[in-house]
Amino acid sequence: MADSNRVPSDLVNPPAGEPNIPGGLDSRAYQALKNGIHRYLLDKIDLKEIFTPGDQIRPQVFAVIQEVVSRLNVPFNGAEKERLALEILDEVFRLGPLEPLMQDPTVSDILINGSKRFTSSGLACWKKPR
C-alpha cells in the first residue's frame, strides 16, 4: 500500500443533499463520495496485491476504507458508516450493488436493464431502496 495518509478535503466535507441517503446526501452526492473514496484507494493500494490468491489483502483494504469513512464530515451514524464501508468493499472485491442480492436466498433472479435498482423473488418484482 502507498504511504500517503492525507484524505482529500472533498471527501471529508461532501456537499449536503436530500435525506433519502445516509447523512442527508442525495444519490449523486453519495455516489460522488463513493467515487472519491475509490480514487483515494487507487492511490493507496498496490493493485497487484488485490489480484493475489486468497483474502489476505481484503482486511487491510477494509481498514483503509473504515479510516476514510470515519473522517467524513457528514452526520452518518455508526451503522451508516459501516454500510458505506461494506458497499465500497463489495465494489472493490465482489459484485458491488449486486452482492446483497446474490447473498439473499429469497432472490431467485437478477435482471439488469439499466441503472434503476429492482429485485425479484419468485414472481414478485419490486424497486430496491437506495
N, C-alpha and C. Protein backbone atom coordinates (compact mmCIF):
# COMPACT_ATOMS: atom_id res chain seq x y z
N MET A 1 0.84 -1.18 0.00
CA MET A 1 0.00 0.00 0.00
C MET A 1 0.88 1.24 0.00
N ALA A 2 0.38 2.28 -0.63
CA ALA A 2 1.11 3.55 -0.65
C ALA A 2 1.15 4.14 0.74
N ASP A 3 2.06 5.11 0.96
CA ASP A 3 2.25 5.60 2.29
C ASP A 3 1.55 6.92 2.60
N SER A 4 0.90 7.56 1.67
CA SER A 4 0.22 8.83 1.91
C SER A 4 -1.02 8.60 2.77
N ASN A 5 -1.15 9.37 3.85
CA ASN A 5 -2.30 9.25 4.73
C ASN A 5 -3.24 10.43 4.64
N ARG A 6 -2.98 11.36 3.74
CA ARG A 6 -3.82 12.54 3.61
C ARG A 6 -5.09 12.19 2.84
N VAL A 7 -6.23 12.46 3.46
CA VAL A 7 -7.53 12.23 2.82
C VAL A 7 -7.94 13.53 2.15
N PRO A 8 -8.29 13.51 0.85
CA PRO A 8 -8.68 14.74 0.16
C PRO A 8 -9.83 15.46 0.86
N SER A 9 -9.78 16.79 0.90
CA SER A 9 -10.78 17.57 1.63
C SER A 9 -12.18 17.40 1.06
N ASP A 10 -12.32 17.14 -0.25
CA ASP A 10 -13.66 16.96 -0.81
C ASP A 10 -14.31 15.67 -0.32
N LEU A 11 -13.51 14.72 0.16
CA LEU A 11 -14.08 13.52 0.77
C LEU A 11 -14.52 13.78 2.20
N VAL A 12 -13.74 14.58 2.91
CA VAL A 12 -14.04 14.85 4.31
C VAL A 12 -15.28 15.73 4.44
N ASN A 13 -15.50 16.64 3.51
CA ASN A 13 -16.62 17.58 3.56
C ASN A 13 -17.46 17.51 2.29
N PRO A 14 -18.21 16.41 2.06
CA PRO A 14 -19.03 16.31 0.85
C PRO A 14 -20.21 17.27 0.91
N PRO A 15 -20.79 17.63 -0.25
CA PRO A 15 -21.93 18.55 -0.27
C PRO A 15 -23.17 17.92 0.34
N ALA A 16 -24.02 18.75 0.95
CA ALA A 16 -25.26 18.27 1.54
C ALA A 16 -26.31 18.04 0.46
N GLY A 17 -27.32 17.25 0.78
CA GLY A 17 -28.35 16.96 -0.20
C GLY A 17 -29.64 16.53 0.45
N GLU A 18 -30.29 15.53 -0.12
CA GLU A 18 -31.59 15.07 0.34
C GLU A 18 -31.45 14.01 1.43
N PRO A 19 -32.49 13.85 2.26
CA PRO A 19 -32.40 12.91 3.38
C PRO A 19 -32.63 11.44 3.00
N ASN A 20 -32.79 11.11 1.71
CA ASN A 20 -33.05 9.72 1.34
C ASN A 20 -31.80 8.85 1.35
N ILE A 21 -30.64 9.45 1.48
CA ILE A 21 -29.36 8.74 1.52
C ILE A 21 -28.75 9.02 2.89
N PRO A 22 -27.99 8.07 3.44
CA PRO A 22 -27.37 8.34 4.75
C PRO A 22 -26.64 9.68 4.77
N GLY A 23 -26.76 10.36 5.90
CA GLY A 23 -26.10 11.64 6.07
C GLY A 23 -26.80 12.79 5.37
N GLY A 24 -28.00 12.55 4.82
CA GLY A 24 -28.73 13.61 4.13
C GLY A 24 -28.21 13.93 2.75
N LEU A 25 -27.35 13.08 2.18
CA LEU A 25 -26.84 13.30 0.83
C LEU A 25 -27.85 12.84 -0.20
N ASP A 26 -27.87 13.49 -1.36
CA ASP A 26 -28.69 12.96 -2.44
C ASP A 26 -27.90 11.83 -3.11
N SER A 27 -28.54 11.11 -4.00
CA SER A 27 -27.89 9.93 -4.58
C SER A 27 -26.64 10.30 -5.38
N ARG A 28 -26.65 11.44 -6.06
CA ARG A 28 -25.45 11.85 -6.82
C ARG A 28 -24.30 12.18 -5.89
N ALA A 29 -24.58 12.89 -4.80
CA ALA A 29 -23.53 13.24 -3.85
C ALA A 29 -22.99 11.98 -3.17
N TYR A 30 -23.89 11.04 -2.86
CA TYR A 30 -23.47 9.78 -2.23
C TYR A 30 -22.56 8.99 -3.17
N GLN A 31 -22.96 8.93 -4.45
CA GLN A 31 -22.13 8.22 -5.43
C GLN A 31 -20.81 8.96 -5.65
N ALA A 32 -20.83 10.28 -5.67
CA ALA A 32 -19.59 11.05 -5.80
C ALA A 32 -18.67 10.80 -4.61
N LEU A 33 -19.25 10.69 -3.43
CA LEU A 33 -18.47 10.38 -2.24
C LEU A 33 -17.81 9.00 -2.38
N LYS A 34 -18.58 8.01 -2.80
CA LYS A 34 -18.03 6.67 -3.01
C LYS A 34 -16.95 6.68 -4.09
N ASN A 35 -17.17 7.42 -5.17
CA ASN A 35 -16.17 7.51 -6.24
C ASN A 35 -14.89 8.14 -5.73
N GLY A 36 -15.02 9.15 -4.89
CA GLY A 36 -13.84 9.78 -4.31
C GLY A 36 -13.06 8.82 -3.43
N ILE A 37 -13.77 8.01 -2.67
CA ILE A 37 -13.10 7.01 -1.82
C ILE A 37 -12.41 5.97 -2.70
N HIS A 38 -13.06 5.59 -3.80
CA HIS A 38 -12.42 4.66 -4.75
C HIS A 38 -11.12 5.25 -5.30
N ARG A 39 -11.15 6.52 -5.70
CA ARG A 39 -9.93 7.17 -6.22
C ARG A 39 -8.85 7.20 -5.15
N TYR A 40 -9.23 7.49 -3.93
CA TYR A 40 -8.27 7.51 -2.81
C TYR A 40 -7.65 6.12 -2.64
N LEU A 41 -8.49 5.08 -2.73
CA LEU A 41 -7.97 3.71 -2.60
C LEU A 41 -6.98 3.38 -3.71
N LEU A 42 -7.27 3.84 -4.92
CA LEU A 42 -6.36 3.57 -6.04
C LEU A 42 -4.98 4.17 -5.78
N ASP A 43 -4.94 5.31 -5.08
CA ASP A 43 -3.66 5.92 -4.74
C ASP A 43 -2.95 5.18 -3.61
N LYS A 44 -3.72 4.54 -2.73
CA LYS A 44 -3.15 3.91 -1.54
C LYS A 44 -2.79 2.44 -1.71
N ILE A 45 -3.43 1.74 -2.63
CA ILE A 45 -3.32 0.29 -2.72
C ILE A 45 -2.51 -0.13 -3.94
N ASP A 46 -1.66 -1.09 -3.74
CA ASP A 46 -0.94 -1.70 -4.86
C ASP A 46 -1.91 -2.69 -5.51
N LEU A 47 -2.35 -2.38 -6.73
CA LEU A 47 -3.36 -3.20 -7.39
C LEU A 47 -2.91 -4.63 -7.62
N LYS A 48 -1.61 -4.86 -7.72
CA LYS A 48 -1.11 -6.24 -7.89
C LYS A 48 -1.49 -7.09 -6.68
N GLU A 49 -1.53 -6.48 -5.50
CA GLU A 49 -1.87 -7.23 -4.29
C GLU A 49 -3.33 -7.67 -4.27
N ILE A 50 -4.21 -6.87 -4.87
CA ILE A 50 -5.64 -7.22 -4.88
C ILE A 50 -5.89 -8.50 -5.66
N PHE A 51 -5.10 -8.71 -6.71
CA PHE A 51 -5.33 -9.87 -7.57
C PHE A 51 -4.52 -11.09 -7.17
N THR A 52 -3.93 -11.08 -5.98
CA THR A 52 -3.24 -12.27 -5.50
C THR A 52 -4.26 -13.24 -4.91
N PRO A 53 -4.00 -14.53 -4.98
CA PRO A 53 -4.94 -15.52 -4.44
C PRO A 53 -5.13 -15.33 -2.93
N GLY A 54 -6.33 -15.67 -2.48
CA GLY A 54 -6.62 -15.59 -1.05
C GLY A 54 -7.23 -14.25 -0.68
N ASP A 55 -7.56 -14.12 0.58
CA ASP A 55 -8.20 -12.91 1.08
C ASP A 55 -7.30 -12.14 2.03
N GLN A 56 -5.98 -12.21 1.88
CA GLN A 56 -5.08 -11.54 2.80
C GLN A 56 -5.20 -10.02 2.73
N ILE A 57 -5.41 -9.47 1.56
CA ILE A 57 -5.44 -8.02 1.37
C ILE A 57 -6.78 -7.42 1.76
N ARG A 58 -7.84 -8.20 1.71
CA ARG A 58 -9.20 -7.70 1.98
C ARG A 58 -9.32 -7.00 3.34
N PRO A 59 -8.84 -7.58 4.44
CA PRO A 59 -8.94 -6.88 5.74
C PRO A 59 -8.15 -5.57 5.77
N GLN A 60 -7.02 -5.53 5.06
CA GLN A 60 -6.22 -4.31 5.02
C GLN A 60 -6.97 -3.21 4.26
N VAL A 61 -7.57 -3.57 3.14
CA VAL A 61 -8.33 -2.61 2.36
C VAL A 61 -9.54 -2.12 3.17
N PHE A 62 -10.20 -3.04 3.86
CA PHE A 62 -11.36 -2.66 4.68
C PHE A 62 -10.94 -1.68 5.77
N ALA A 63 -9.78 -1.88 6.37
CA ALA A 63 -9.28 -0.97 7.40
C ALA A 63 -9.04 0.42 6.82
N VAL A 64 -8.49 0.50 5.61
CA VAL A 64 -8.27 1.80 4.96
C VAL A 64 -9.61 2.47 4.68
N ILE A 65 -10.57 1.70 4.17
CA ILE A 65 -11.90 2.25 3.88
C ILE A 65 -12.55 2.78 5.17
N GLN A 66 -12.47 1.99 6.24
CA GLN A 66 -13.07 2.42 7.51
C GLN A 66 -12.41 3.69 8.03
N GLU A 67 -11.10 3.81 7.85
CA GLU A 67 -10.39 5.01 8.29
C GLU A 67 -10.90 6.24 7.54
N VAL A 68 -11.03 6.12 6.22
CA VAL A 68 -11.52 7.24 5.41
C VAL A 68 -12.95 7.58 5.80
N VAL A 69 -13.79 6.57 5.92
CA VAL A 69 -15.20 6.80 6.26
C VAL A 69 -15.32 7.44 7.65
N SER A 70 -14.46 7.08 8.58
CA SER A 70 -14.53 7.66 9.92
C SER A 70 -14.18 9.15 9.91
N ARG A 71 -13.45 9.61 8.90
CA ARG A 71 -13.07 11.03 8.79
C ARG A 71 -14.12 11.89 8.10
N LEU A 72 -15.16 11.27 7.56
CA LEU A 72 -16.16 12.03 6.81
C LEU A 72 -16.87 13.02 7.72
N ASN A 73 -17.11 14.20 7.18
CA ASN A 73 -17.80 15.24 7.92
C ASN A 73 -19.27 15.28 7.50
N VAL A 74 -19.93 14.15 7.63
CA VAL A 74 -21.36 14.04 7.37
C VAL A 74 -21.99 13.34 8.57
N PRO A 75 -23.26 13.60 8.83
CA PRO A 75 -23.87 13.02 10.03
C PRO A 75 -24.27 11.55 9.86
N PHE A 76 -23.32 10.70 9.49
CA PHE A 76 -23.58 9.27 9.42
C PHE A 76 -23.49 8.70 10.83
N ASN A 77 -24.41 7.83 11.18
CA ASN A 77 -24.25 7.12 12.44
C ASN A 77 -23.33 5.92 12.18
N GLY A 78 -23.03 5.16 13.22
CA GLY A 78 -22.11 4.04 13.07
C GLY A 78 -22.56 3.01 12.05
N ALA A 79 -23.85 2.69 12.05
CA ALA A 79 -24.38 1.70 11.11
C ALA A 79 -24.28 2.21 9.67
N GLU A 80 -24.52 3.50 9.45
CA GLU A 80 -24.43 4.06 8.10
C GLU A 80 -22.99 4.09 7.61
N LYS A 81 -22.06 4.38 8.50
CA LYS A 81 -20.64 4.34 8.13
C LYS A 81 -20.22 2.92 7.79
N GLU A 82 -20.68 1.96 8.57
CA GLU A 82 -20.36 0.55 8.30
C GLU A 82 -20.96 0.13 6.96
N ARG A 83 -22.20 0.54 6.68
CA ARG A 83 -22.86 0.21 5.40
C ARG A 83 -22.06 0.77 4.23
N LEU A 84 -21.64 2.04 4.35
CA LEU A 84 -20.86 2.66 3.28
C LEU A 84 -19.54 1.92 3.08
N ALA A 85 -18.85 1.59 4.16
CA ALA A 85 -17.58 0.87 4.06
C ALA A 85 -17.77 -0.49 3.41
N LEU A 86 -18.82 -1.21 3.80
CA LEU A 86 -19.08 -2.54 3.21
C LEU A 86 -19.48 -2.44 1.74
N GLU A 87 -20.25 -1.41 1.38
CA GLU A 87 -20.61 -1.21 -0.03
C GLU A 87 -19.35 -1.02 -0.87
N ILE A 88 -18.45 -0.20 -0.39
CA ILE A 88 -17.21 0.06 -1.14
C ILE A 88 -16.37 -1.20 -1.20
N LEU A 89 -16.28 -1.94 -0.11
CA LEU A 89 -15.51 -3.19 -0.11
C LEU A 89 -16.10 -4.17 -1.13
N ASP A 90 -17.43 -4.28 -1.17
CA ASP A 90 -18.07 -5.16 -2.16
C ASP A 90 -17.80 -4.69 -3.58
N GLU A 91 -17.73 -3.39 -3.80
CA GLU A 91 -17.44 -2.87 -5.13
C GLU A 91 -16.00 -3.16 -5.54
N VAL A 92 -15.10 -3.20 -4.58
CA VAL A 92 -13.70 -3.47 -4.89
C VAL A 92 -13.47 -4.96 -5.13
N PHE A 93 -14.05 -5.81 -4.30
CA PHE A 93 -13.72 -7.24 -4.33
C PHE A 93 -14.82 -8.15 -4.87
N ARG A 94 -16.04 -7.67 -4.93
CA ARG A 94 -17.14 -8.56 -5.32
C ARG A 94 -17.97 -7.94 -6.43
N LEU A 95 -19.28 -8.05 -6.31
CA LEU A 95 -20.18 -7.61 -7.37
C LEU A 95 -20.88 -6.29 -7.07
N GLY A 96 -20.34 -5.52 -6.16
CA GLY A 96 -20.90 -4.20 -5.85
C GLY A 96 -22.34 -4.26 -5.39
N PRO A 97 -23.22 -3.47 -6.03
CA PRO A 97 -24.61 -3.41 -5.58
C PRO A 97 -25.38 -4.72 -5.77
N LEU A 98 -24.83 -5.63 -6.56
CA LEU A 98 -25.49 -6.93 -6.74
C LEU A 98 -25.20 -7.90 -5.59
N GLU A 99 -24.15 -7.62 -4.82
CA GLU A 99 -23.72 -8.57 -3.79
C GLU A 99 -24.81 -8.89 -2.76
N PRO A 100 -25.53 -7.90 -2.21
CA PRO A 100 -26.60 -8.25 -1.26
C PRO A 100 -27.67 -9.14 -1.88
N LEU A 101 -27.96 -8.90 -3.16
CA LEU A 101 -28.95 -9.74 -3.84
C LEU A 101 -28.42 -11.16 -4.03
N MET A 102 -27.15 -11.29 -4.35
CA MET A 102 -26.54 -12.62 -4.53
C MET A 102 -26.57 -13.42 -3.22
N GLN A 103 -26.46 -12.72 -2.09
CA GLN A 103 -26.43 -13.38 -0.80
C GLN A 103 -27.83 -13.65 -0.24
N ASP A 104 -28.86 -13.06 -0.82
CA ASP A 104 -30.23 -13.20 -0.33
C ASP A 104 -30.85 -14.48 -0.89
N PRO A 105 -31.15 -15.46 -0.03
CA PRO A 105 -31.70 -16.73 -0.53
C PRO A 105 -33.11 -16.59 -1.11
N THR A 106 -33.81 -15.49 -0.83
CA THR A 106 -35.15 -15.33 -1.39
C THR A 106 -35.13 -14.75 -2.80
N VAL A 107 -33.98 -14.28 -3.27
CA VAL A 107 -33.87 -13.72 -4.61
C VAL A 107 -33.52 -14.85 -5.57
N SER A 108 -34.42 -15.08 -6.52
CA SER A 108 -34.21 -16.18 -7.46
C SER A 108 -33.59 -15.72 -8.77
N ASP A 109 -33.83 -14.47 -9.16
CA ASP A 109 -33.31 -13.95 -10.42
C ASP A 109 -32.90 -12.50 -10.22
N ILE A 110 -31.89 -12.12 -10.96
CA ILE A 110 -31.49 -10.72 -11.01
C ILE A 110 -31.44 -10.33 -12.48
N LEU A 111 -32.28 -9.39 -12.85
CA LEU A 111 -32.33 -8.91 -14.22
C LEU A 111 -31.83 -7.48 -14.23
N ILE A 112 -30.89 -7.17 -15.09
CA ILE A 112 -30.33 -5.82 -15.16
C ILE A 112 -30.76 -5.22 -16.49
N ASN A 113 -31.49 -4.09 -16.37
CA ASN A 113 -31.98 -3.42 -17.55
C ASN A 113 -31.87 -1.92 -17.33
N GLY A 114 -30.66 -1.43 -17.18
CA GLY A 114 -30.43 -0.02 -16.93
C GLY A 114 -29.92 0.22 -15.52
N SER A 115 -29.94 1.49 -15.12
CA SER A 115 -29.34 1.85 -13.85
C SER A 115 -30.31 1.82 -12.68
N LYS A 116 -31.59 1.62 -12.90
CA LYS A 116 -32.54 1.56 -11.80
C LYS A 116 -32.39 0.21 -11.09
N ARG A 117 -32.62 0.21 -9.77
CA ARG A 117 -32.38 -0.99 -8.98
C ARG A 117 -33.70 -1.70 -8.66
N PHE A 118 -33.87 -2.90 -9.20
CA PHE A 118 -35.03 -3.72 -8.94
C PHE A 118 -34.57 -5.10 -8.52
N THR A 119 -35.41 -5.80 -7.82
CA THR A 119 -35.10 -7.17 -7.44
C THR A 119 -36.36 -8.00 -7.56
N SER A 120 -36.21 -9.31 -7.67
CA SER A 120 -37.39 -10.17 -7.72
C SER A 120 -37.19 -11.38 -6.84
N SER A 121 -38.28 -11.86 -6.33
CA SER A 121 -38.28 -13.09 -5.54
C SER A 121 -39.50 -13.88 -5.99
N GLY A 122 -39.27 -15.03 -6.57
CA GLY A 122 -40.39 -15.78 -7.12
C GLY A 122 -40.99 -15.02 -8.27
N LEU A 123 -42.28 -14.70 -8.18
CA LEU A 123 -42.96 -13.98 -9.25
C LEU A 123 -43.07 -12.49 -8.98
N ALA A 124 -42.66 -12.05 -7.79
CA ALA A 124 -42.79 -10.63 -7.43
C ALA A 124 -41.56 -9.85 -7.88
N CYS A 125 -41.77 -8.59 -8.15
CA CYS A 125 -40.66 -7.70 -8.53
C CYS A 125 -40.92 -6.37 -7.85
N TRP A 126 -39.91 -5.80 -7.24
CA TRP A 126 -40.08 -4.51 -6.56
C TRP A 126 -38.83 -3.68 -6.68
N LYS A 127 -39.03 -2.36 -6.51
CA LYS A 127 -37.90 -1.44 -6.60
C LYS A 127 -37.15 -1.46 -5.28
N LYS A 128 -35.82 -1.62 -5.36
CA LYS A 128 -34.98 -1.62 -4.17
C LYS A 128 -34.74 -0.19 -3.73
N PRO A 129 -34.82 0.09 -2.43
CA PRO A 129 -34.46 1.44 -1.97
C PRO A 129 -32.97 1.66 -2.11
N ARG A 130 -32.56 2.87 -2.32
CA ARG A 130 -31.13 3.20 -2.43
C ARG A 130 -30.53 3.35 -1.08
